[in-house]
Amino acid sequence: MSDQALPTLEHLAIQGLASNERLAISVVEDLPKVFFPPLFKEAFIKRRKKLVKHMVTTWPYPYLYIGPLLYDFDVDTFKAVLEGVDRLNCQKVRSRRCKLKELNLLDVQRDFLDIWTPTRDVLRVPEAQIEEDSNTVLRQPLRVHADYGFLLGVLDQYHAHFMKWVRQRLHKMRFRFYKLVPKRKVETGKAVGSPGILW
C-alpha cells in the first residue's frame, strides 16, 4: 500500500475548478474566501491567465503575496496579475468582495499557502475587515512592495518590461522597492540600497 496521502475533498475541488477556467470564473464571486489562496496558487502554477486576472480583481484579503509563486514564473501569468491590478486601478468604485490594498512581490521565503494559515502568525495574516458599501466608498490606489534584486533574478528578460510598467504608473500607484543596488547614492542623498525607498 502506498504511503502517499490521499487528496482531500478541498484539494479535489480546487483542482476541478482550476481545470475548468470558465466555470471557475463564473463562481469566484460566490466562493468562500478561504478557497481563494489555494485556488489562486493552483491557477498561477497551471497558468490559467484569465482566472488569475479575475481573482486579482475580486481578492477578498488586503494583501496578495506573489513572491512565493514567482519560482514558478511564467511571463503571461505574471502579466495577468498586473492586468488585474490595472483593472482595479481603473475602477473608481470596486466590488464589495474585493479588499485588496497591496500587491507584495517580496521574497518572503514561505510557501504561498503558509501565509494564509490562520493558526500561524506569518507575515500579515488577513485581518477581519469592516464591510463597506461599495456603491458609496471610493477605494485608495493600490500599493506595490517589491524586492528589486529578487525580481531581477526571477523575471529575467521580462524585468525591463516590468520596470517600464512601474514607471508608467508612478502617478497613480504607490511603489516601495527593497534591496536596490547597495551603498550607491542618488541626487536626493538617500542610499538606493536602503529598505523602504518609496516611489
C-alpha atoms as a PDB file:
ATOM      1  CA  MET A   1       0.000   0.000   0.000  1.00  0.00           C
ATOM      2  CA  SER A   2       1.297   3.417  -0.919  1.00  0.00           C
ATOM      3  CA  ASP A   3       2.179   5.827   1.881  1.00  0.00           C
ATOM      4  CA  GLN A   4       1.185   8.756  -0.289  1.00  0.00           C
ATOM      5  CA  ALA A   5      -1.633  10.753   1.327  1.00  0.00           C
ATOM      6  CA  LEU A   6      -4.931  10.825  -0.495  1.00  0.00           C
ATOM      7  CA  PRO A   7      -6.048  14.251  -1.741  1.00  0.00           C
ATOM      8  CA  THR A   8      -8.645  15.994   0.402  1.00  0.00           C
ATOM      9  CA  LEU A   9     -12.066  16.947  -0.923  1.00  0.00           C
ATOM     10  CA  GLU A  10     -10.960  20.584  -0.814  1.00  0.00           C
ATOM     11  CA  HIS A  11      -7.921  19.822  -2.941  1.00  0.00           C
ATOM     12  CA  LEU A  12     -10.003  17.866  -5.440  1.00  0.00           C
ATOM     13  CA  ALA A  13     -12.485  20.750  -5.651  1.00  0.00           C
ATOM     14  CA  ILE A  14      -9.662  23.238  -6.247  1.00  0.00           C
ATOM     15  CA  GLN A  15      -8.142  21.048  -8.944  1.00  0.00           C
ATOM     16  CA  GLY A  16     -11.532  20.698 -10.603  1.00  0.00           C
ATOM     17  CA  LEU A  17     -12.097  24.454 -10.672  1.00  0.00           C
ATOM     18  CA  ALA A  18      -8.593  25.186 -11.931  1.00  0.00           C
ATOM     19  CA  SER A  19      -9.057  22.709 -14.769  1.00  0.00           C
ATOM     20  CA  ASN A  20     -12.248  24.466 -15.919  1.00  0.00           C
ATOM     21  CA  GLU A  21     -11.323  28.137 -16.175  1.00  0.00           C
ATOM     22  CA  ARG A  22     -14.695  29.328 -17.445  1.00  0.00           C
ATOM     23  CA  LEU A  23     -16.566  27.596 -14.616  1.00  0.00           C
ATOM     24  CA  ALA A  24     -14.125  28.889 -12.013  1.00  0.00           C
ATOM     25  CA  ILE A  25     -14.524  32.498 -13.186  1.00  0.00           C
ATOM     26  CA  SER A  26     -18.298  32.182 -13.036  1.00  0.00           C
ATOM     27  CA  VAL A  27     -18.307  31.048  -9.384  1.00  0.00           C
ATOM     28  CA  VAL A  28     -15.450  33.136  -7.942  1.00  0.00           C
ATOM     29  CA  GLU A  29     -17.788  35.883  -6.723  1.00  0.00           C
ATOM     30  CA  ASP A  30     -19.633  33.368  -4.530  1.00  0.00           C
ATOM     31  CA  LEU A  31     -16.621  31.295  -3.491  1.00  0.00           C
ATOM     32  CA  PRO A  32     -15.862  31.202   0.271  1.00  0.00           C
ATOM     33  CA  LYS A  33     -12.774  33.322   0.721  1.00  0.00           C
ATOM     34  CA  VAL A  34     -10.811  30.502   2.376  1.00  0.00           C
ATOM     35  CA  PHE A  35     -10.745  28.871  -1.062  1.00  0.00           C
ATOM     36  CA  PHE A  36      -9.103  31.881  -2.698  1.00  0.00           C
ATOM     37  CA  PRO A  37      -5.452  31.220  -1.715  1.00  0.00           C
ATOM     38  CA  PRO A  38      -5.344  27.544  -2.790  1.00  0.00           C
ATOM     39  CA  LEU A  39      -7.290  28.239  -5.982  1.00  0.00           C
ATOM     40  CA  PHE A  40      -5.081  31.206  -6.847  1.00  0.00           C
ATOM     41  CA  LYS A  41      -1.946  29.124  -6.317  1.00  0.00           C
ATOM     42  CA  GLU A  42      -3.313  26.326  -8.494  1.00  0.00           C
ATOM     43  CA  ALA A  43      -4.368  28.790 -11.203  1.00  0.00           C
ATOM     44  CA  PHE A  44      -0.998  30.556 -11.145  1.00  0.00           C
ATOM     45  CA  ILE A  45       1.035  27.352 -11.362  1.00  0.00           C
ATOM     46  CA  LYS A  46      -1.202  25.905 -14.085  1.00  0.00           C
ATOM     47  CA  ARG A  47      -1.092  29.229 -15.970  1.00  0.00           C
ATOM     48  CA  ARG A  48      -4.822  29.894 -16.020  1.00  0.00           C
ATOM     49  CA  LYS A  49      -4.303  33.527 -17.010  1.00  0.00           C
ATOM     50  CA  LYS A  50      -7.933  34.621 -17.223  1.00  0.00           C
ATOM     51  CA  LEU A  51      -8.714  33.108 -13.846  1.00  0.00           C
ATOM     52  CA  VAL A  52      -5.648  34.704 -12.238  1.00  0.00           C
ATOM     53  CA  LYS A  53      -6.610  38.132 -13.588  1.00  0.00           C
ATOM     54  CA  HIS A  54     -10.201  37.775 -12.399  1.00  0.00           C
ATOM     55  CA  MET A  55      -9.145  36.618  -8.939  1.00  0.00           C
ATOM     56  CA  VAL A  56      -6.905  39.665  -8.504  1.00  0.00           C
ATOM     57  CA  THR A  57      -9.917  41.914  -9.115  1.00  0.00           C
ATOM     58  CA  THR A  58     -12.003  40.004  -6.566  1.00  0.00           C
ATOM     59  CA  TRP A  59      -9.294  39.224  -3.967  1.00  0.00           C
ATOM     60  CA  PRO A  60     -11.065  39.227  -0.567  1.00  0.00           C
ATOM     61  CA  TYR A  61      -7.975  39.982   1.573  1.00  0.00           C
ATOM     62  CA  PRO A  62      -5.996  43.231   1.981  1.00  0.00           C
ATOM     63  CA  TYR A  63      -2.722  41.653   0.816  1.00  0.00           C
ATOM     64  CA  LEU A  64      -1.745  39.453  -2.100  1.00  0.00           C
ATOM     65  CA  TYR A  65       1.709  37.859  -1.829  1.00  0.00           C
ATOM     66  CA  ILE A  66       3.001  36.879  -5.248  1.00  0.00           C
ATOM     67  CA  GLY A  67       6.658  36.412  -4.257  1.00  0.00           C
ATOM     68  CA  PRO A  68       6.346  32.738  -3.210  1.00  0.00           C
ATOM     69  CA  LEU A  69       4.794  31.913  -6.598  1.00  0.00           C
ATOM     70  CA  LEU A  70       7.446  33.572  -8.740  1.00  0.00           C
ATOM     71  CA  TYR A  71       9.637  30.482  -8.558  1.00  0.00           C
ATOM     72  CA  ASP A  72       7.037  29.061 -10.971  1.00  0.00           C
ATOM     73  CA  PHE A  73       7.369  32.224 -13.052  1.00  0.00           C
ATOM     74  CA  ASP A  74       5.590  32.484 -16.369  1.00  0.00           C
ATOM     75  CA  VAL A  75       5.546  35.784 -18.251  1.00  0.00           C
ATOM     76  CA  ASP A  76       1.917  35.606 -19.342  1.00  0.00           C
ATOM     77  CA  THR A  77       0.651  34.599 -15.894  1.00  0.00           C
ATOM     78  CA  PHE A  78       2.596  37.434 -14.269  1.00  0.00           C
ATOM     79  CA  LYS A  79       1.183  39.811 -16.866  1.00  0.00           C
ATOM     80  CA  ALA A  80      -2.297  38.613 -15.879  1.00  0.00           C
ATOM     81  CA  VAL A  81      -1.599  39.705 -12.292  1.00  0.00           C
ATOM     82  CA  LEU A  82      -0.511  43.157 -13.486  1.00  0.00           C
ATOM     83  CA  GLU A  83      -3.544  43.410 -15.770  1.00  0.00           C
ATOM     84  CA  GLY A  84      -5.766  42.625 -12.796  1.00  0.00           C
ATOM     85  CA  VAL A  85      -4.064  45.414 -10.840  1.00  0.00           C
ATOM     86  CA  ASP A  86      -4.598  47.805 -13.767  1.00  0.00           C
ATOM     87  CA  ARG A  87      -8.250  46.889 -13.943  1.00  0.00           C
ATOM     88  CA  LEU A  88      -8.674  47.622 -10.242  1.00  0.00           C
ATOM     89  CA  ASN A  89      -6.950  50.978 -10.574  1.00  0.00           C
ATOM     90  CA  CYS A  90      -9.327  51.939 -13.365  1.00  0.00           C
ATOM     91  CA  GLN A  91     -12.322  51.328 -11.114  1.00  0.00           C
ATOM     92  CA  LYS A  92     -13.326  54.328  -9.010  1.00  0.00           C
ATOM     93  CA  VAL A  93     -15.672  52.070  -7.067  1.00  0.00           C
ATOM     94  CA  ARG A  94     -14.765  48.425  -6.617  1.00  0.00           C
ATOM     95  CA  SER A  95     -16.909  45.417  -5.948  1.00  0.00           C
ATOM     96  CA  ARG A  96     -17.910  44.700  -2.370  1.00  0.00           C
ATOM     97  CA  ARG A  97     -15.901  41.477  -2.471  1.00  0.00           C
ATOM     98  CA  CYS A  98     -12.522  42.979  -3.320  1.00  0.00           C
ATOM     99  CA  LYS A  99     -10.449  44.108  -0.302  1.00  0.00           C
ATOM    100  CA  LEU A 100      -7.052  44.239  -1.998  1.00  0.00           C
ATOM    101  CA  LYS A 101      -4.807  47.092  -0.856  1.00  0.00           C
ATOM    102  CA  GLU A 102      -1.317  45.794  -1.519  1.00  0.00           C
ATOM    103  CA  LEU A 103       0.437  43.594  -4.068  1.00  0.00           C
ATOM    104  CA  ASN A 104       3.539  42.130  -2.449  1.00  0.00           C
ATOM    105  CA  LEU A 105       6.429  40.974  -4.646  1.00  0.00           C
ATOM    106  CA  LEU A 106       8.935  40.276  -1.885  1.00  0.00           C
ATOM    107  CA  ASP A 107      10.838  37.031  -1.460  1.00  0.00           C
ATOM    108  CA  VAL A 108       9.230  36.060   1.863  1.00  0.00           C
ATOM    109  CA  GLN A 109      10.784  32.565   1.836  1.00  0.00           C
ATOM    110  CA  ARG A 110       7.496  30.963   2.784  1.00  0.00           C
ATOM    111  CA  ASP A 111       5.149  28.707   0.923  1.00  0.00           C
ATOM    112  CA  PHE A 112       2.259  30.680  -0.530  1.00  0.00           C
ATOM    113  CA  LEU A 113      -0.348  28.781   1.495  1.00  0.00           C
ATOM    114  CA  ASP A 114       1.592  29.111   4.775  1.00  0.00           C
ATOM    115  CA  ILE A 115       0.955  32.858   4.665  1.00  0.00           C
ATOM    116  CA  TRP A 116      -2.781  32.271   4.753  1.00  0.00           C
ATOM    117  CA  THR A 117      -2.827  29.688   7.539  1.00  0.00           C
ATOM    118  CA  PRO A 118      -4.910  31.299  10.319  1.00  0.00           C
ATOM    119  CA  THR A 119      -3.208  29.262  13.059  1.00  0.00           C
ATOM    120  CA  ARG A 120       0.221  30.691  12.272  1.00  0.00           C
ATOM    121  CA  ASP A 121       1.461  34.208  12.871  1.00  0.00           C
ATOM    122  CA  VAL A 122       3.151  34.534   9.475  1.00  0.00           C
ATOM    123  CA  LEU A 123       3.635  37.975   7.974  1.00  0.00           C
ATOM    124  CA  ARG A 124       0.374  39.878   7.826  1.00  0.00           C
ATOM    125  CA  VAL A 125      -2.348  37.276   8.036  1.00  0.00           C
ATOM    126  CA  PRO A 126      -5.537  38.846   6.639  1.00  0.00           C
ATOM    127  CA  GLU A 127      -7.486  40.524   9.393  1.00  0.00           C
ATOM    128  CA  ALA A 128     -11.227  40.947   9.717  1.00  0.00           C
ATOM    129  CA  GLN A 129     -12.475  43.893   7.699  1.00  0.00           C
ATOM    130  CA  ILE A 130     -15.428  46.162   8.266  1.00  0.00           C
ATOM    131  CA  GLU A 131     -17.915  45.834   5.464  1.00  0.00           C
ATOM    132  CA  GLU A 132     -18.149  48.936   3.302  1.00  0.00           C
ATOM    133  CA  ASP A 133     -20.828  49.920   0.853  1.00  0.00           C
ATOM    134  CA  SER A 134     -19.034  49.678  -2.477  1.00  0.00           C
ATOM    135  CA  ASN A 135     -21.643  51.941  -4.036  1.00  0.00           C
ATOM    136  CA  THR A 136     -20.526  54.911  -1.951  1.00  0.00           C
ATOM    137  CA  VAL A 137     -16.896  54.272  -0.889  1.00  0.00           C
ATOM    138  CA  LEU A 138     -14.026  55.197  -3.194  1.00  0.00           C
ATOM    139  CA  ARG A 139     -11.015  52.939  -2.928  1.00  0.00           C
ATOM    140  CA  GLN A 140      -7.458  54.157  -2.487  1.00  0.00           C
ATOM    141  CA  PRO A 141      -4.788  53.365  -5.126  1.00  0.00           C
ATOM    142  CA  LEU A 142      -3.068  50.042  -4.673  1.00  0.00           C
ATOM    143  CA  ARG A 143       0.389  49.770  -3.126  1.00  0.00           C
ATOM    144  CA  VAL A 144       3.108  47.566  -4.603  1.00  0.00           C
ATOM    145  CA  HIS A 145       6.000  46.310  -2.456  1.00  0.00           C
ATOM    146  CA  ALA A 146       8.817  44.681  -4.404  1.00  0.00           C
ATOM    147  CA  ASP A 147      12.285  43.224  -3.909  1.00  0.00           C
ATOM    148  CA  TYR A 148      14.343  44.581  -6.811  1.00  0.00           C
ATOM    149  CA  GLY A 149      17.135  42.012  -6.545  1.00  0.00           C
ATOM    150  CA  PHE A 150      14.711  39.100  -6.241  1.00  0.00           C
ATOM    151  CA  LEU A 151      12.660  40.262  -9.216  1.00  0.00           C
ATOM    152  CA  LEU A 152      15.758  40.866 -11.294  1.00  0.00           C
ATOM    153  CA  GLY A 153      16.608  37.193 -10.863  1.00  0.00           C
ATOM    154  CA  VAL A 154      13.202  35.607 -11.433  1.00  0.00           C
ATOM    155  CA  LEU A 155      11.811  37.923 -14.122  1.00  0.00           C
ATOM    156  CA  ASP A 156      14.956  37.617 -16.248  1.00  0.00           C
ATOM    157  CA  GLN A 157      14.313  39.165 -19.676  1.00  0.00           C
ATOM    158  CA  TYR A 158      10.881  40.431 -18.649  1.00  0.00           C
ATOM    159  CA  HIS A 159      12.414  42.590 -15.907  1.00  0.00           C
ATOM    160  CA  ALA A 160      12.807  45.631 -18.178  1.00  0.00           C
ATOM    161  CA  HIS A 161       9.146  45.392 -19.224  1.00  0.00           C
ATOM    162  CA  PHE A 162       8.078  45.244 -15.583  1.00  0.00           C
ATOM    163  CA  MET A 163      10.088  48.353 -14.710  1.00  0.00           C
ATOM    164  CA  LYS A 164       8.504  50.138 -17.670  1.00  0.00           C
ATOM    165  CA  TRP A 165       5.087  49.142 -16.295  1.00  0.00           C
ATOM    166  CA  VAL A 166       6.118  50.624 -12.939  1.00  0.00           C
ATOM    167  CA  ARG A 167       7.326  53.934 -14.423  1.00  0.00           C
ATOM    168  CA  GLN A 168       4.101  54.368 -16.381  1.00  0.00           C
ATOM    169  CA  ARG A 169       2.079  54.089 -13.170  1.00  0.00           C
ATOM    170  CA  LEU A 170       4.101  56.176 -10.747  1.00  0.00           C
ATOM    171  CA  HIS A 171       1.484  58.926 -10.912  1.00  0.00           C
ATOM    172  CA  LYS A 172      -1.383  56.723  -9.773  1.00  0.00           C
ATOM    173  CA  MET A 173       0.102  53.964  -7.604  1.00  0.00           C
ATOM    174  CA  ARG A 174       2.468  53.752  -4.635  1.00  0.00           C
ATOM    175  CA  PHE A 175       5.619  51.656  -5.059  1.00  0.00           C
ATOM    176  CA  ARG A 176       8.142  50.625  -2.441  1.00  0.00           C
ATOM    177  CA  PHE A 177      11.287  48.802  -3.545  1.00  0.00           C
ATOM    178  CA  TYR A 178      13.766  46.957  -1.337  1.00  0.00           C
ATOM    179  CA  LYS A 179      17.321  45.699  -1.827  1.00  0.00           C
ATOM    180  CA  LEU A 180      18.230  48.059  -4.617  1.00  0.00           C
ATOM    181  CA  VAL A 181      21.886  48.495  -5.582  1.00  0.00           C
ATOM    182  CA  PRO A 182      23.543  48.879  -2.133  1.00  0.00           C
ATOM    183  CA  LYS A 183      25.552  51.874  -0.920  1.00  0.00           C
ATOM    184  CA  ARG A 184      25.061  53.929  -4.075  1.00  0.00           C
ATOM    185  CA  LYS A 185      23.889  57.499  -3.590  1.00  0.00           C
ATOM    186  CA  VAL A 186      21.364  59.337  -5.681  1.00  0.00           C
ATOM    187  CA  GLU A 187      20.804  63.069  -6.049  1.00  0.00           C
ATOM    188  CA  THR A 188      18.453  63.176  -3.072  1.00  0.00           C
ATOM    189  CA  GLY A 189      21.270  61.884  -0.865  1.00  0.00           C
ATOM    190  CA  LYS A 190      19.426  58.692   0.054  1.00  0.00           C
ATOM    191  CA  ALA A 191      21.081  55.308  -0.329  1.00  0.00           C
ATOM    192  CA  VAL A 192      19.367  53.423  -3.117  1.00  0.00           C
ATOM    193  CA  GLY A 193      20.043  50.185  -1.300  1.00  0.00           C
ATOM    194  CA  SER A 194      18.321  51.161   1.937  1.00  0.00           C
ATOM    195  CA  PRO A 195      14.983  49.416   2.539  1.00  0.00           C
ATOM    196  CA  GLY A 196      11.791  51.344   2.082  1.00  0.00           C
ATOM    197  CA  ILE A 197      12.535  53.518  -0.932  1.00  0.00           C
ATOM    198  CA  LEU A 198       9.123  54.961  -1.785  1.00  0.00           C
ATOM    199  CA  TRP A 199       8.467  55.927  -5.398  1.00  0.00           C
END
